[in-house]
Amino acid sequence: MFDDPTIHDLQVKPDLRDGESVLAAKSTKLGDSIRDNAIVIVTTQRIITGAKKGRSVDEEEADKLNLDIDLADIETVRRTGVATKTIEVVTLGDDVYELPPLQNGSGAIVDAITSEAKLGKTSWGEESLAE
């Protein structure tokens, strides 16, 4: 129905590194917004989040924006929620980052992260594969 957002739809467009390309990008509503105001992007080297061009985000939700997480630093990815999926990324330093919640497209984001970061997947209800 609608095209997925691109890196050009971010308010602050990051420069891609040499050899880096976008694998998945999804927009979402963050906070009490009527329209999509945040974008989650997975590249071949990192996860990038930011505000959508022309949109604003409440201060309470700003901690989920402007993230730049290297895929090589990711230890675990957790996705929870029924209709709206919350994705948490745990890095090697035990830092936990919560990405903007996604109503649609969380599967594409998680699949891109797990395949590019070479992470194993745990089936629903099974104990985590993380060491």
C-alpha atoms as a PDB file:
ATOM      1  CA  MET A   1       0.000   0.000   0.000  1.00  0.00           C
ATOM      2  CA  PHE A   2       2.656   2.539   1.067  1.00  0.00           C
ATOM      3  CA  ASP A   3       6.333   2.468   0.265  1.00  0.00           C
ATOM      4  CA  ASP A   4       8.769   1.808   3.082  1.00  0.00           C
ATOM      5  CA  PRO A   5      10.668   4.874   4.273  1.00  0.00           C
ATOM      6  CA  THR A   6      14.259   5.447   3.254  1.00  0.00           C
ATOM      7  CA  ILE A   7      17.272   6.933   4.981  1.00  0.00           C
ATOM      8  CA  HIS A   8      16.417  10.203   3.190  1.00  0.00           C
ATOM      9  CA  ASP A   9      13.158  10.446   5.193  1.00  0.00           C
ATOM     10  CA  LEU A  10      15.052  11.058   8.453  1.00  0.00           C
ATOM     11  CA  GLN A  11      15.263  14.603   9.838  1.00  0.00           C
ATOM     12  CA  VAL A  12      19.005  14.124  10.288  1.00  0.00           C
ATOM     13  CA  LYS A  13      20.268  11.925   7.473  1.00  0.00           C
ATOM     14  CA  PRO A  14      23.284   9.861   8.580  1.00  0.00           C
ATOM     15  CA  ASP A  15      26.156   9.203   6.210  1.00  0.00           C
ATOM     16  CA  LEU A  16      26.471   5.571   5.204  1.00  0.00           C
ATOM     17  CA  ARG A  17      29.887   4.038   5.751  1.00  0.00           C
ATOM     18  CA  ASP A  18      31.937   2.502   2.939  1.00  0.00           C
ATOM     19  CA  GLY A  19      30.210  -0.646   1.710  1.00  0.00           C
ATOM     20  CA  GLU A  20      27.163  -0.071   3.946  1.00  0.00           C
ATOM     21  CA  SER A  21      23.675  -0.477   2.501  1.00  0.00           C
ATOM     22  CA  VAL A  22      20.127  -0.380   3.904  1.00  0.00           C
ATOM     23  CA  LEU A  23      18.509  -3.785   4.542  1.00  0.00           C
ATOM     24  CA  ALA A  24      15.185  -2.760   6.123  1.00  0.00           C
ATOM     25  CA  ALA A  25      13.416   0.460   7.066  1.00  0.00           C
ATOM     26  CA  LYS A  26      10.076   0.950   8.822  1.00  0.00           C
ATOM     27  CA  SER A  27       8.250   4.013  10.081  1.00  0.00           C
ATOM     28  CA  THR A  28       6.141   4.074  13.218  1.00  0.00           C
ATOM     29  CA  LYS A  29       4.214   6.252  15.653  1.00  0.00           C
ATOM     30  CA  LEU A  30       6.167   7.246  18.731  1.00  0.00           C
ATOM     31  CA  GLY A  31       4.246   8.814  21.608  1.00  0.00           C
ATOM     32  CA  ASP A  32       0.842  10.455  21.124  1.00  0.00           C
ATOM     33  CA  SER A  33       1.221  11.049  17.413  1.00  0.00           C
ATOM     34  CA  ILE A  34      -1.491  10.608  14.814  1.00  0.00           C
ATOM     35  CA  ARG A  35       0.953  10.045  11.943  1.00  0.00           C
ATOM     36  CA  ASP A  36       4.219   8.130  11.736  1.00  0.00           C
ATOM     37  CA  ASN A  37       6.952  10.284  13.235  1.00  0.00           C
ATOM     38  CA  ALA A  38       9.885   7.888  13.737  1.00  0.00           C
ATOM     39  CA  ILE A  39      11.934   5.590  11.502  1.00  0.00           C
ATOM     40  CA  VAL A  40      13.892   2.429  12.327  1.00  0.00           C
ATOM     41  CA  ILE A  41      16.578   1.460   9.789  1.00  0.00           C
ATOM     42  CA  VAL A  42      18.788  -1.634   9.695  1.00  0.00           C
ATOM     43  CA  THR A  43      21.880  -1.439   7.506  1.00  0.00           C
ATOM     44  CA  THR A  44      24.585  -3.994   6.844  1.00  0.00           C
ATOM     45  CA  GLN A  45      26.581  -2.516   9.735  1.00  0.00           C
ATOM     46  CA  ARG A  46      24.215  -0.886  12.250  1.00  0.00           C
ATOM     47  CA  ILE A  47      20.754   0.030  13.510  1.00  0.00           C
ATOM     48  CA  ILE A  48      19.746   3.672  13.119  1.00  0.00           C
ATOM     49  CA  THR A  49      16.658   5.354  14.580  1.00  0.00           C
ATOM     50  CA  GLY A  50      15.490   8.918  14.153  1.00  0.00           C
ATOM     51  CA  ALA A  51      12.626  11.317  13.769  1.00  0.00           C
ATOM     52  CA  LYS A  52      10.868  11.453  10.427  1.00  0.00           C
ATOM     53  CA  LYS A  53      11.425  14.573   8.362  1.00  0.00           C
ATOM     54  CA  GLY A  54       8.783  17.209   9.177  1.00  0.00           C
ATOM     55  CA  ARG A  55       7.596  15.442  12.351  1.00  0.00           C
ATOM     56  CA  SER A  56       8.260  15.960  16.054  1.00  0.00           C
ATOM     57  CA  VAL A  57       8.472  13.528  18.959  1.00  0.00           C
ATOM     58  CA  ASP A  58       7.531  14.094  22.610  1.00  0.00           C
ATOM     59  CA  GLU A  59      10.472  14.612  24.974  1.00  0.00           C
ATOM     60  CA  GLU A  60       9.485  11.529  27.007  1.00  0.00           C
ATOM     61  CA  GLU A  61      10.037   9.336  23.942  1.00  0.00           C
ATOM     62  CA  ALA A  62      13.237  11.002  22.692  1.00  0.00           C
ATOM     63  CA  ASP A  63      15.479   8.318  24.267  1.00  0.00           C
ATOM     64  CA  LYS A  64      14.336   5.902  21.531  1.00  0.00           C
ATOM     65  CA  LEU A  65      15.555   8.230  18.791  1.00  0.00           C
ATOM     66  CA  ASN A  66      18.974   9.058  17.405  1.00  0.00           C
ATOM     67  CA  LEU A  67      20.290   5.577  18.202  1.00  0.00           C
ATOM     68  CA  ASP A  68      23.248   4.285  16.223  1.00  0.00           C
ATOM     69  CA  ILE A  69      24.056   0.711  17.290  1.00  0.00           C
ATOM     70  CA  ASP A  70      26.764  -1.324  15.552  1.00  0.00           C
ATOM     71  CA  LEU A  71      25.547  -4.823  14.655  1.00  0.00           C
ATOM     72  CA  ALA A  72      28.904  -6.254  15.776  1.00  0.00           C
ATOM     73  CA  ASP A  73      28.143  -5.055  19.334  1.00  0.00           C
ATOM     74  CA  ILE A  74      24.742  -6.798  19.589  1.00  0.00           C
ATOM     75  CA  GLU A  75      24.447  -9.797  21.882  1.00  0.00           C
ATOM     76  CA  THR A  76      20.669 -10.296  22.083  1.00  0.00           C
ATOM     77  CA  VAL A  77      17.507  -8.956  20.429  1.00  0.00           C
ATOM     78  CA  ARG A  78      14.146  -9.333  22.191  1.00  0.00           C
ATOM     79  CA  ARG A  79      10.753  -8.676  20.625  1.00  0.00           C
ATOM     80  CA  THR A  80       7.663  -8.497  22.838  1.00  0.00           C
ATOM     81  CA  GLY A  81       4.086  -7.359  22.498  1.00  0.00           C
ATOM     82  CA  VAL A  82       0.899  -8.443  20.790  1.00  0.00           C
ATOM     83  CA  ALA A  83      -0.273  -5.786  18.320  1.00  0.00           C
ATOM     84  CA  THR A  84       2.575  -3.332  18.766  1.00  0.00           C
ATOM     85  CA  LYS A  85       5.994  -4.952  19.006  1.00  0.00           C
ATOM     86  CA  THR A  86       8.690  -3.592  21.297  1.00  0.00           C
ATOM     87  CA  ILE A  87      12.229  -4.487  20.246  1.00  0.00           C
ATOM     88  CA  GLU A  88      15.034  -4.386  22.811  1.00  0.00           C
ATOM     89  CA  VAL A  89      18.663  -4.643  21.745  1.00  0.00           C
ATOM     90  CA  VAL A  90      21.244  -5.797  24.301  1.00  0.00           C
ATOM     91  CA  THR A  91      24.857  -4.992  23.464  1.00  0.00           C
ATOM     92  CA  LEU A  92      28.051  -6.678  24.642  1.00  0.00           C
ATOM     93  CA  GLY A  93      28.467  -4.083  27.408  1.00  0.00           C
ATOM     94  CA  ASP A  94      25.030  -5.110  28.775  1.00  0.00           C
ATOM     95  CA  ASP A  95      23.509  -1.819  27.625  1.00  0.00           C
ATOM     96  CA  VAL A  96      19.843  -2.204  26.679  1.00  0.00           C
ATOM     97  CA  TYR A  97      18.336  -0.026  23.950  1.00  0.00           C
ATOM     98  CA  GLU A  98      14.611   0.064  23.229  1.00  0.00           C
ATOM     99  CA  LEU A  99      13.746   0.817  19.613  1.00  0.00           C
ATOM    100  CA  PRO A 100      10.575   2.728  18.736  1.00  0.00           C
ATOM    101  CA  PRO A 101       7.598   0.309  18.929  1.00  0.00           C
ATOM    102  CA  LEU A 102       6.459  -1.091  15.580  1.00  0.00           C
ATOM    103  CA  GLN A 103       2.890  -1.964  14.645  1.00  0.00           C
ATOM    104  CA  ASN A 104       3.900  -3.371  11.276  1.00  0.00           C
ATOM    105  CA  GLY A 105       7.199  -4.645   9.985  1.00  0.00           C
ATOM    106  CA  SER A 106       8.861  -5.776  13.203  1.00  0.00           C
ATOM    107  CA  GLY A 107       9.560  -9.147  11.586  1.00  0.00           C
ATOM    108  CA  ALA A 108      11.541  -7.547   8.762  1.00  0.00           C
ATOM    109  CA  ILE A 109      13.567  -5.475  11.239  1.00  0.00           C
ATOM    110  CA  VAL A 110      14.322  -8.428  13.544  1.00  0.00           C
ATOM    111  CA  ASP A 111      15.136 -10.713  10.594  1.00  0.00           C
ATOM    112  CA  ALA A 112      17.541  -8.141   9.158  1.00  0.00           C
ATOM    113  CA  ILE A 113      19.273  -7.716  12.531  1.00  0.00           C
ATOM    114  CA  THR A 114      19.550 -11.431  13.310  1.00  0.00           C
ATOM    115  CA  SER A 115      20.772 -12.448   9.865  1.00  0.00           C
ATOM    116  CA  GLU A 116      23.305  -9.628   9.454  1.00  0.00           C
ATOM    117  CA  ALA A 117      24.581  -9.846  13.060  1.00  0.00           C
ATOM    118  CA  LYS A 118      24.601 -13.667  12.770  1.00  0.00           C
ATOM    119  CA  LEU A 119      22.429 -14.183  15.851  1.00  0.00           C
ATOM    120  CA  GLY A 120      20.539 -17.399  16.590  1.00  0.00           C
ATOM    121  CA  LYS A 121      16.755 -17.442  16.969  1.00  0.00           C
ATOM    122  CA  THR A 122      14.796 -18.963  19.830  1.00  0.00           C
ATOM    123  CA  SER A 123      11.311 -20.320  19.184  1.00  0.00           C
ATOM    124  CA  TRP A 124       8.417 -18.910  21.174  1.00  0.00           C
ATOM    125  CA  GLY A 125       8.333 -20.383  24.687  1.00  0.00           C
ATOM    126  CA  GLU A 126      11.847 -21.834  24.548  1.00  0.00           C
ATOM    127  CA  GLU A 127      14.755 -20.761  26.691  1.00  0.00           C
ATOM    128  CA  SER A 128      17.006 -18.119  25.164  1.00  0.00           C
ATOM    129  CA  LEU A 129      20.007 -19.160  23.084  1.00  0.00           C
ATOM    130  CA  ALA A 130      22.049 -16.246  24.473  1.00  0.00           C
ATOM    131  CA  GLU A 131      25.050 -17.258  26.565  1.00  0.00           C
END
